[in-house]
Amino acid sequence: MPKDFLEERGFARRESELIAQEAANTRNRAQGAREATQVAADGEAARIRAVGLAQTDMEEKRIAIYRDLSGHVLLGLAAREFAGKLTKIDHLNVTPDLLATVMGEFGKGAVVGRGGATKTSGAQ
């Protein structure tokens, strides 16, 4: 067999091996990229779960604090929260009936009736 034929045959075989190796390398890189993406996604999911659990725990503790408060205190806290969210009040109309009702809540059940008379809730 001529020497050129053997060399070409060797080059062709080597070229086939290199092509096969390149294909294997490409598959390995793709697999590595998929695995890295999966690890990142798993990490993000774990982070989101941890944050959600922390928020739930915090909300449960906040509710436990409010659960034992009286209605008057809750009303005051709600009013303070509401006032803190207001940026500007153009007009505020407070009628005597509304003021009497609110003051009655703050006055531990005492409600001011017409003519300035005070009556406690339950006594009429």
C-alpha atoms as a PDB file:
ATOM      1  CA  MET A   1       0.000   0.000   0.000  1.00  0.00           C
ATOM      2  CA  PRO A   2       1.280   3.405  -0.879  1.00  0.00           C
ATOM      3  CA  LYS A   3       2.442   5.645   1.921  1.00  0.00           C
ATOM      4  CA  ASP A   4       0.090   8.497   0.903  1.00  0.00           C
ATOM      5  CA  PHE A   5      -2.914   6.189   1.140  1.00  0.00           C
ATOM      6  CA  LEU A   6      -1.965   5.102   4.660  1.00  0.00           C
ATOM      7  CA  GLU A   7      -1.405   8.689   5.751  1.00  0.00           C
ATOM      8  CA  GLU A   8      -4.773   9.780   4.343  1.00  0.00           C
ATOM      9  CA  ARG A   9      -6.454   6.867   6.040  1.00  0.00           C
ATOM     10  CA  GLY A  10      -4.767   7.780   9.349  1.00  0.00           C
ATOM     11  CA  PHE A  11      -5.753  11.429   8.932  1.00  0.00           C
ATOM     12  CA  ALA A  12      -9.327  10.462   8.169  1.00  0.00           C
ATOM     13  CA  ARG A  13      -9.467   8.223  11.232  1.00  0.00           C
ATOM     14  CA  ARG A  14      -7.941  10.946  13.399  1.00  0.00           C
ATOM     15  CA  GLU A  15     -10.383  13.499  11.975  1.00  0.00           C
ATOM     16  CA  SER A  16     -13.308  11.168  12.832  1.00  0.00           C
ATOM     17  CA  GLU A  17     -11.969  10.791  16.380  1.00  0.00           C
ATOM     18  CA  LEU A  18     -11.636  14.568  16.750  1.00  0.00           C
ATOM     19  CA  ILE A  19     -15.178  15.129  15.457  1.00  0.00           C
ATOM     20  CA  ALA A  20     -16.523  12.521  17.874  1.00  0.00           C
ATOM     21  CA  GLN A  21     -14.547  14.088  20.729  1.00  0.00           C
ATOM     22  CA  GLU A  22     -15.864  17.558  19.847  1.00  0.00           C
ATOM     23  CA  ALA A  23     -19.440  16.214  19.832  1.00  0.00           C
ATOM     24  CA  ALA A  24     -18.867  14.617  23.251  1.00  0.00           C
ATOM     25  CA  ASN A  25     -17.407  17.885  24.575  1.00  0.00           C
ATOM     26  CA  THR A  26     -20.411  19.823  23.281  1.00  0.00           C
ATOM     27  CA  ARG A  27     -22.806  17.374  24.983  1.00  0.00           C
ATOM     28  CA  ASN A  28     -20.824  17.648  28.235  1.00  0.00           C
ATOM     29  CA  ARG A  29     -20.896  21.459  28.123  1.00  0.00           C
ATOM     30  CA  ALA A  30     -24.656  21.424  27.489  1.00  0.00           C
ATOM     31  CA  GLN A  31     -25.194  18.985  30.370  1.00  0.00           C
ATOM     32  CA  GLY A  32     -23.061  21.148  32.651  1.00  0.00           C
ATOM     33  CA  ALA A  33     -25.013  24.251  31.681  1.00  0.00           C
ATOM     34  CA  ARG A  34     -28.318  22.459  32.376  1.00  0.00           C
ATOM     35  CA  GLU A  35     -27.079  21.300  35.760  1.00  0.00           C
ATOM     36  CA  ALA A  36     -25.826  24.780  36.650  1.00  0.00           C
ATOM     37  CA  THR A  37     -29.189  26.262  35.673  1.00  0.00           C
ATOM     38  CA  GLN A  38     -30.971  23.674  37.812  1.00  0.00           C
ATOM     39  CA  VAL A  39     -28.737  24.399  40.812  1.00  0.00           C
ATOM     40  CA  ALA A  40     -29.394  28.135  40.432  1.00  0.00           C
ATOM     41  CA  ALA A  41     -33.161  27.554  40.141  1.00  0.00           C
ATOM     42  CA  ASP A  42     -33.157  25.285  43.196  1.00  0.00           C
ATOM     43  CA  GLY A  43     -31.236  27.918  45.153  1.00  0.00           C
ATOM     44  CA  GLU A  44     -33.655  30.662  44.134  1.00  0.00           C
ATOM     45  CA  ALA A  45     -36.641  28.485  45.071  1.00  0.00           C
ATOM     46  CA  ALA A  46     -35.097  27.770  48.471  1.00  0.00           C
ATOM     47  CA  ARG A  47     -34.471  31.489  49.007  1.00  0.00           C
ATOM     48  CA  ILE A  48     -38.058  32.338  48.099  1.00  0.00           C
ATOM     49  CA  ARG A  49     -39.380  29.640  50.450  1.00  0.00           C
ATOM     50  CA  ALA A  50     -37.178  30.916  53.284  1.00  0.00           C
ATOM     51  CA  VAL A  51     -38.353  34.501  52.782  1.00  0.00           C
ATOM     52  CA  GLY A  52     -41.985  33.363  52.637  1.00  0.00           C
ATOM     53  CA  LEU A  53     -41.627  31.366  55.839  1.00  0.00           C
ATOM     54  CA  ALA A  54     -39.982  34.318  57.581  1.00  0.00           C
ATOM     55  CA  GLN A  55     -42.780  36.645  56.448  1.00  0.00           C
ATOM     56  CA  THR A  56     -45.421  34.171  57.614  1.00  0.00           C
ATOM     57  CA  ASP A  57     -43.716  33.805  60.990  1.00  0.00           C
ATOM     58  CA  MET A  58     -43.480  37.580  61.365  1.00  0.00           C
ATOM     59  CA  GLU A  59     -47.161  38.015  60.473  1.00  0.00           C
ATOM     60  CA  GLU A  60     -48.204  35.313  62.958  1.00  0.00           C
ATOM     61  CA  LYS A  61     -46.259  37.085  65.712  1.00  0.00           C
ATOM     62  CA  ARG A  62     -47.810  40.446  64.778  1.00  0.00           C
ATOM     63  CA  ILE A  63     -51.297  38.935  64.887  1.00  0.00           C
ATOM     64  CA  ALA A  64     -50.545  37.352  68.274  1.00  0.00           C
ATOM     65  CA  ILE A  65     -49.681  40.802  69.636  1.00  0.00           C
ATOM     66  CA  TYR A  66     -52.889  42.377  68.313  1.00  0.00           C
ATOM     67  CA  ARG A  67     -55.063  39.438  69.422  1.00  0.00           C
ATOM     68  CA  ASP A  68     -54.765  40.445  73.084  1.00  0.00           C
ATOM     69  CA  LEU A  69     -55.361  44.181  72.618  1.00  0.00           C
ATOM     70  CA  SER A  70     -58.664  45.834  73.459  1.00  0.00           C
ATOM     71  CA  GLY A  71     -60.895  47.296  70.785  1.00  0.00           C
ATOM     72  CA  HIS A  72     -60.045  50.823  71.908  1.00  0.00           C
ATOM     73  CA  VAL A  73     -56.350  50.272  71.464  1.00  0.00           C
ATOM     74  CA  LEU A  74     -56.907  48.627  68.082  1.00  0.00           C
ATOM     75  CA  LEU A  75     -59.029  51.573  66.976  1.00  0.00           C
ATOM     76  CA  GLY A  76     -56.301  53.987  68.053  1.00  0.00           C
ATOM     77  CA  LEU A  77     -53.634  51.982  66.223  1.00  0.00           C
ATOM     78  CA  ALA A  78     -55.789  51.858  63.104  1.00  0.00           C
ATOM     79  CA  ALA A  79     -56.328  55.617  63.258  1.00  0.00           C
ATOM     80  CA  ARG A  80     -52.600  56.214  63.659  1.00  0.00           C
ATOM     81  CA  GLU A  81     -51.801  53.887  60.747  1.00  0.00           C
ATOM     82  CA  PHE A  82     -54.421  55.602  58.597  1.00  0.00           C
ATOM     83  CA  ALA A  83     -53.109  59.056  59.490  1.00  0.00           C
ATOM     84  CA  GLY A  84     -49.563  58.002  58.644  1.00  0.00           C
ATOM     85  CA  LYS A  85     -50.634  57.035  55.138  1.00  0.00           C
ATOM     86  CA  LEU A  86     -52.378  60.300  54.400  1.00  0.00           C
ATOM     87  CA  THR A  87     -50.263  62.759  52.476  1.00  0.00           C
ATOM     88  CA  LYS A  88     -52.751  65.611  52.269  1.00  0.00           C
ATOM     89  CA  ILE A  89     -56.281  66.254  53.442  1.00  0.00           C
ATOM     90  CA  ASP A  90     -58.094  68.956  51.482  1.00  0.00           C
ATOM     91  CA  HIS A  91     -61.369  68.819  53.395  1.00  0.00           C
ATOM     92  CA  LEU A  92     -62.512  66.965  56.476  1.00  0.00           C
ATOM     93  CA  ASN A  93     -66.125  67.070  57.611  1.00  0.00           C
ATOM     94  CA  VAL A  94     -66.761  65.886  61.144  1.00  0.00           C
ATOM     95  CA  THR A  95     -70.382  65.824  62.182  1.00  0.00           C
ATOM     96  CA  PRO A  96     -71.433  65.856  65.839  1.00  0.00           C
ATOM     97  CA  ASP A  97     -72.805  62.322  65.503  1.00  0.00           C
ATOM     98  CA  LEU A  98     -69.528  61.037  64.068  1.00  0.00           C
ATOM     99  CA  LEU A  99     -67.498  62.835  66.695  1.00  0.00           C
ATOM    100  CA  ALA A 100     -69.730  61.490  69.480  1.00  0.00           C
ATOM    101  CA  THR A 101     -69.375  57.953  68.192  1.00  0.00           C
ATOM    102  CA  VAL A 102     -65.595  58.155  67.931  1.00  0.00           C
ATOM    103  CA  MET A 103     -65.209  59.878  71.275  1.00  0.00           C
ATOM    104  CA  GLY A 104     -67.523  57.273  72.787  1.00  0.00           C
ATOM    105  CA  GLU A 105     -65.175  54.542  71.589  1.00  0.00           C
ATOM    106  CA  PHE A 106     -62.213  56.345  73.074  1.00  0.00           C
ATOM    107  CA  GLY A 107     -64.111  57.198  76.238  1.00  0.00           C
ATOM    108  CA  LYS A 108     -64.517  53.523  77.203  1.00  0.00           C
ATOM    109  CA  GLY A 109     -68.128  53.265  76.230  1.00  0.00           C
ATOM    110  CA  ALA A 110     -69.319  56.724  77.238  1.00  0.00           C
ATOM    111  CA  VAL A 111     -71.355  58.343  74.459  1.00  0.00           C
ATOM    112  CA  VAL A 112     -72.331  61.999  74.388  1.00  0.00           C
ATOM    113  CA  GLY A 113     -75.994  62.382  73.468  1.00  0.00           C
ATOM    114  CA  ARG A 114     -77.904  65.387  72.220  1.00  0.00           C
ATOM    115  CA  GLY A 115     -77.668  68.449  74.429  1.00  0.00           C
ATOM    116  CA  GLY A 116     -74.312  67.362  75.868  1.00  0.00           C
ATOM    117  CA  ALA A 117     -75.768  64.684  78.160  1.00  0.00           C
ATOM    118  CA  THR A 118     -73.467  61.752  78.714  1.00  0.00           C
ATOM    119  CA  LYS A 119     -74.757  58.245  78.832  1.00  0.00           C
ATOM    120  CA  THR A 120     -72.767  55.068  79.107  1.00  0.00           C
ATOM    121  CA  SER A 121     -73.263  52.228  76.720  1.00  0.00           C
ATOM    122  CA  GLY A 122     -75.795  49.819  78.074  1.00  0.00           C
ATOM    123  CA  ALA A 123     -77.666  52.478  80.175  1.00  0.00           C
ATOM    124  CA  GLN A 124     -80.454  54.257  78.414  1.00  0.00           C
END
